[in-house]
N, C-alpha and C. Protein backbone atom coordinates (compact mmCIF):
# COMPACT_ATOMS: atom_id res chain seq x y z
N UNK A 1 69.77 -76.49 -39.39
CA UNK A 1 69.33 -75.69 -40.52
C UNK A 1 68.92 -76.66 -41.63
N UNK A 2 67.74 -76.43 -42.20
CA UNK A 2 67.25 -77.29 -43.26
C UNK A 2 68.04 -77.13 -44.55
N UNK A 3 67.84 -78.08 -45.44
CA UNK A 3 68.58 -78.08 -46.71
C UNK A 3 68.26 -76.84 -47.54
N UNK A 4 67.02 -76.38 -47.53
CA UNK A 4 66.64 -75.20 -48.30
C UNK A 4 67.33 -73.94 -47.80
N UNK A 5 67.34 -73.77 -46.49
CA UNK A 5 68.00 -72.60 -45.89
C UNK A 5 69.50 -72.67 -46.09
N UNK A 6 70.04 -73.87 -45.97
CA UNK A 6 71.49 -74.05 -46.14
C UNK A 6 71.90 -73.71 -47.57
N UNK A 7 71.11 -74.19 -48.54
CA UNK A 7 71.42 -73.91 -49.94
C UNK A 7 71.29 -72.41 -50.24
N UNK A 8 70.27 -71.78 -49.68
CA UNK A 8 70.08 -70.35 -49.91
C UNK A 8 71.23 -69.54 -49.32
N UNK A 9 71.69 -69.94 -48.14
CA UNK A 9 72.82 -69.24 -47.52
C UNK A 9 74.09 -69.43 -48.35
N UNK A 10 74.30 -70.64 -48.83
CA UNK A 10 75.48 -70.93 -49.65
C UNK A 10 75.43 -70.13 -50.95
N UNK A 11 74.25 -70.05 -51.55
CA UNK A 11 74.09 -69.28 -52.79
C UNK A 11 74.37 -67.80 -52.54
N UNK A 12 73.91 -67.29 -51.41
CA UNK A 12 74.15 -65.88 -51.07
C UNK A 12 75.64 -65.60 -50.91
N UNK A 13 76.34 -66.47 -50.20
CA UNK A 13 77.77 -66.30 -50.00
C UNK A 13 78.51 -66.39 -51.33
N UNK A 14 78.14 -67.36 -52.16
CA UNK A 14 78.79 -67.52 -53.46
C UNK A 14 78.57 -66.30 -54.34
N UNK A 15 77.37 -65.75 -54.31
CA UNK A 15 77.07 -64.57 -55.11
C UNK A 15 77.88 -63.37 -54.63
N UNK A 16 78.03 -63.22 -53.30
CA UNK A 16 78.83 -62.13 -52.76
C UNK A 16 80.29 -62.25 -53.18
N UNK A 17 80.81 -63.47 -53.15
CA UNK A 17 82.20 -63.68 -53.56
C UNK A 17 82.40 -63.41 -55.05
N UNK A 18 81.40 -63.77 -55.84
CA UNK A 18 81.53 -63.63 -57.29
C UNK A 18 81.44 -62.18 -57.73
N UNK A 19 80.51 -61.44 -57.17
CA UNK A 19 80.24 -60.10 -57.69
C UNK A 19 80.84 -58.96 -56.87
N UNK A 20 81.36 -59.22 -55.69
CA UNK A 20 81.93 -58.13 -54.90
C UNK A 20 83.33 -57.81 -55.41
N UNK A 21 83.74 -56.58 -55.19
CA UNK A 21 85.05 -56.12 -55.64
C UNK A 21 86.01 -56.24 -54.47
N UNK A 22 87.09 -56.96 -54.67
CA UNK A 22 88.09 -57.16 -53.63
C UNK A 22 89.35 -56.40 -54.00
N UNK A 23 90.02 -55.88 -52.99
CA UNK A 23 91.31 -55.24 -53.22
C UNK A 23 92.35 -56.34 -53.43
N UNK A 24 93.09 -56.25 -54.51
CA UNK A 24 94.10 -57.25 -54.81
C UNK A 24 95.44 -56.80 -54.25
N UNK A 25 96.07 -57.68 -53.52
CA UNK A 25 97.39 -57.41 -52.96
C UNK A 25 98.42 -57.91 -53.98
N UNK A 26 98.84 -57.01 -54.85
CA UNK A 26 99.75 -57.39 -55.92
C UNK A 26 101.14 -57.76 -55.41
N UNK A 27 101.55 -57.18 -54.29
CA UNK A 27 102.86 -57.54 -53.72
C UNK A 27 102.87 -58.99 -53.25
N UNK A 28 101.81 -59.40 -52.57
CA UNK A 28 101.72 -60.79 -52.11
C UNK A 28 101.62 -61.74 -53.29
N UNK A 29 100.89 -61.33 -54.32
CA UNK A 29 100.77 -62.16 -55.52
C UNK A 29 102.11 -62.32 -56.21
N UNK A 30 102.87 -61.24 -56.31
CA UNK A 30 104.19 -61.31 -56.95
C UNK A 30 105.13 -62.20 -56.15
N UNK A 31 105.08 -62.11 -54.82
CA UNK A 31 105.92 -62.99 -53.98
C UNK A 31 105.56 -64.45 -54.18
N UNK A 32 104.26 -64.72 -54.25
CA UNK A 32 103.81 -66.10 -54.41
C UNK A 32 104.22 -66.67 -55.77
N UNK A 33 104.09 -65.87 -56.81
CA UNK A 33 104.41 -66.35 -58.15
C UNK A 33 105.91 -66.44 -58.40
N UNK A 34 106.69 -65.58 -57.73
CA UNK A 34 108.13 -65.60 -57.95
C UNK A 34 108.83 -66.64 -57.08
N UNK A 35 108.11 -67.25 -56.18
CA UNK A 35 108.72 -68.26 -55.32
C UNK A 35 109.44 -67.66 -54.15
N UNK A 36 109.07 -66.47 -53.76
CA UNK A 36 109.69 -65.80 -52.61
C UNK A 36 109.34 -66.53 -51.33
N UNK A 37 109.38 -65.82 -50.23
CA UNK A 37 109.09 -66.46 -48.95
C UNK A 37 107.68 -67.02 -48.98
N UNK A 38 107.59 -68.26 -48.58
CA UNK A 38 106.33 -68.96 -48.65
C UNK A 38 105.90 -69.40 -47.26
N UNK A 39 104.61 -69.47 -47.05
CA UNK A 39 104.11 -69.96 -45.77
C UNK A 39 104.01 -71.48 -45.77
N UNK A 40 104.26 -72.11 -46.92
CA UNK A 40 104.22 -73.56 -47.01
C UNK A 40 105.62 -74.13 -46.75
N UNK A 41 105.70 -75.25 -46.04
CA UNK A 41 107.02 -75.84 -45.80
C UNK A 41 107.58 -76.43 -47.09
N UNK A 42 108.90 -76.44 -47.17
CA UNK A 42 109.55 -77.01 -48.35
C UNK A 42 109.36 -78.52 -48.34
N UNK A 43 109.13 -79.08 -49.50
CA UNK A 43 108.93 -80.52 -49.59
C UNK A 43 110.25 -81.22 -49.82
N UNK A 44 110.36 -82.41 -49.29
CA UNK A 44 111.56 -83.21 -49.47
C UNK A 44 111.44 -83.99 -50.77
N UNK A 45 112.53 -84.18 -51.49
CA UNK A 45 112.46 -84.97 -52.72
C UNK A 45 112.11 -86.42 -52.40
N UNK A 46 111.33 -87.01 -53.28
CA UNK A 46 110.90 -88.39 -53.08
C UNK A 46 112.01 -89.31 -53.55
N UNK A 47 112.40 -90.22 -52.69
CA UNK A 47 113.42 -91.20 -53.06
C UNK A 47 112.74 -92.54 -53.22
N UNK A 48 113.04 -93.21 -54.32
CA UNK A 48 112.45 -94.51 -54.58
C UNK A 48 113.34 -95.60 -54.01
N UNK A 49 112.68 -96.66 -53.51
CA UNK A 49 113.43 -97.79 -53.00
C UNK A 49 113.92 -98.62 -54.18
N UNK A 50 115.09 -99.22 -54.05
CA UNK A 50 115.53 -100.13 -55.11
C UNK A 50 114.56 -101.30 -55.24
N UNK A 51 114.49 -101.89 -56.42
CA UNK A 51 113.54 -102.97 -56.68
C UNK A 51 113.77 -104.15 -55.76
N UNK A 52 115.02 -104.43 -55.40
CA UNK A 52 115.30 -105.56 -54.52
C UNK A 52 114.67 -105.35 -53.14
N UNK A 53 114.70 -104.13 -52.64
CA UNK A 53 114.10 -103.86 -51.34
C UNK A 53 112.59 -104.04 -51.38
N UNK A 54 111.97 -103.61 -52.46
CA UNK A 54 110.52 -103.75 -52.59
C UNK A 54 110.15 -105.23 -52.67
N UNK A 55 110.89 -105.99 -53.47
CA UNK A 55 110.59 -107.41 -53.61
C UNK A 55 110.80 -108.16 -52.30
N UNK A 56 111.85 -107.82 -51.58
CA UNK A 56 112.10 -108.52 -50.32
C UNK A 56 111.03 -108.18 -49.28
N UNK A 57 110.50 -106.97 -49.36
CA UNK A 57 109.47 -106.58 -48.41
C UNK A 57 108.19 -107.40 -48.61
N UNK A 58 107.85 -107.70 -49.85
CA UNK A 58 106.61 -108.40 -50.15
C UNK A 58 106.79 -109.89 -50.40
N UNK A 59 108.01 -110.38 -50.39
CA UNK A 59 108.26 -111.79 -50.71
C UNK A 59 107.64 -112.73 -49.70
N UNK A 60 107.45 -112.30 -48.47
CA UNK A 60 106.87 -113.20 -47.47
C UNK A 60 105.41 -113.53 -47.78
N UNK A 61 104.76 -112.73 -48.62
CA UNK A 61 103.36 -112.97 -48.95
C UNK A 61 103.19 -113.86 -50.18
N UNK A 62 104.28 -114.18 -50.87
CA UNK A 62 104.20 -115.01 -52.06
C UNK A 62 104.07 -116.48 -51.67
N UNK A 63 103.30 -117.24 -52.47
CA UNK A 63 103.19 -118.68 -52.26
C UNK A 63 104.34 -119.38 -52.95
N UNK A 64 104.79 -120.48 -52.36
CA UNK A 64 105.83 -121.28 -52.99
C UNK A 64 105.24 -122.24 -54.02
N UNK A 65 103.95 -122.54 -53.93
CA UNK A 65 103.31 -123.48 -54.86
C UNK A 65 102.70 -122.72 -56.03
N UNK A 66 103.52 -122.33 -56.98
CA UNK A 66 103.02 -121.65 -58.16
C UNK A 66 102.33 -122.63 -59.10
N UNK A 67 102.62 -123.91 -59.00
CA UNK A 67 102.01 -124.91 -59.88
C UNK A 67 100.53 -125.04 -59.60
N UNK A 68 100.10 -124.79 -58.38
CA UNK A 68 98.69 -124.90 -58.04
C UNK A 68 97.85 -123.84 -58.73
N UNK A 69 98.43 -122.72 -59.06
CA UNK A 69 97.68 -121.66 -59.72
C UNK A 69 97.24 -122.08 -61.12
N UNK A 70 98.08 -122.83 -61.84
CA UNK A 70 97.73 -123.28 -63.18
C UNK A 70 96.75 -124.44 -63.13
N UNK A 71 96.79 -125.23 -62.09
CA UNK A 71 96.00 -126.44 -61.97
C UNK A 71 94.88 -126.21 -60.97
N UNK A 72 93.90 -125.40 -61.34
CA UNK A 72 92.82 -125.03 -60.42
C UNK A 72 91.72 -126.07 -60.50
N UNK A 73 91.65 -126.94 -59.51
CA UNK A 73 90.60 -127.96 -59.47
C UNK A 73 89.62 -127.70 -58.35
N UNK A 74 89.74 -126.60 -57.65
CA UNK A 74 88.87 -126.33 -56.52
C UNK A 74 87.63 -125.54 -56.93
N UNK A 75 87.56 -125.05 -58.13
CA UNK A 75 86.48 -124.16 -58.53
C UNK A 75 85.37 -124.86 -59.28
N UNK A 76 84.91 -124.25 -60.33
CA UNK A 76 83.77 -124.68 -61.11
C UNK A 76 84.00 -126.03 -61.77
N UNK A 77 85.20 -126.28 -62.25
CA UNK A 77 85.52 -127.52 -62.96
C UNK A 77 85.28 -128.73 -62.08
N UNK A 78 85.61 -128.65 -60.81
CA UNK A 78 85.46 -129.78 -59.91
C UNK A 78 83.98 -130.05 -59.66
N UNK A 79 83.15 -129.03 -59.59
CA UNK A 79 81.72 -129.19 -59.33
C UNK A 79 81.00 -129.82 -60.52
N UNK A 80 81.46 -129.56 -61.74
CA UNK A 80 80.82 -130.11 -62.93
C UNK A 80 81.08 -131.59 -63.08
N UNK A 81 82.21 -132.08 -62.59
CA UNK A 81 82.60 -133.48 -62.82
C UNK A 81 81.76 -134.46 -62.10
């Protein structure tokens, strides 16, 4: 289906949804708003890891030579000399 036909079909569907009159199920709406039985599963609370666990997990990626970061001679400065 070409883009013109696709857009026209989408516009038609959107117009039908916007202007048509739908029967509202107030009982289902009240259940949803009051937190009654839901079709969605209950979510588990998020537990955060202690900071030590996070640091130990990523510590293997840290360099031991922190002095080299301050003394950068591999970049532009070395080429100018």
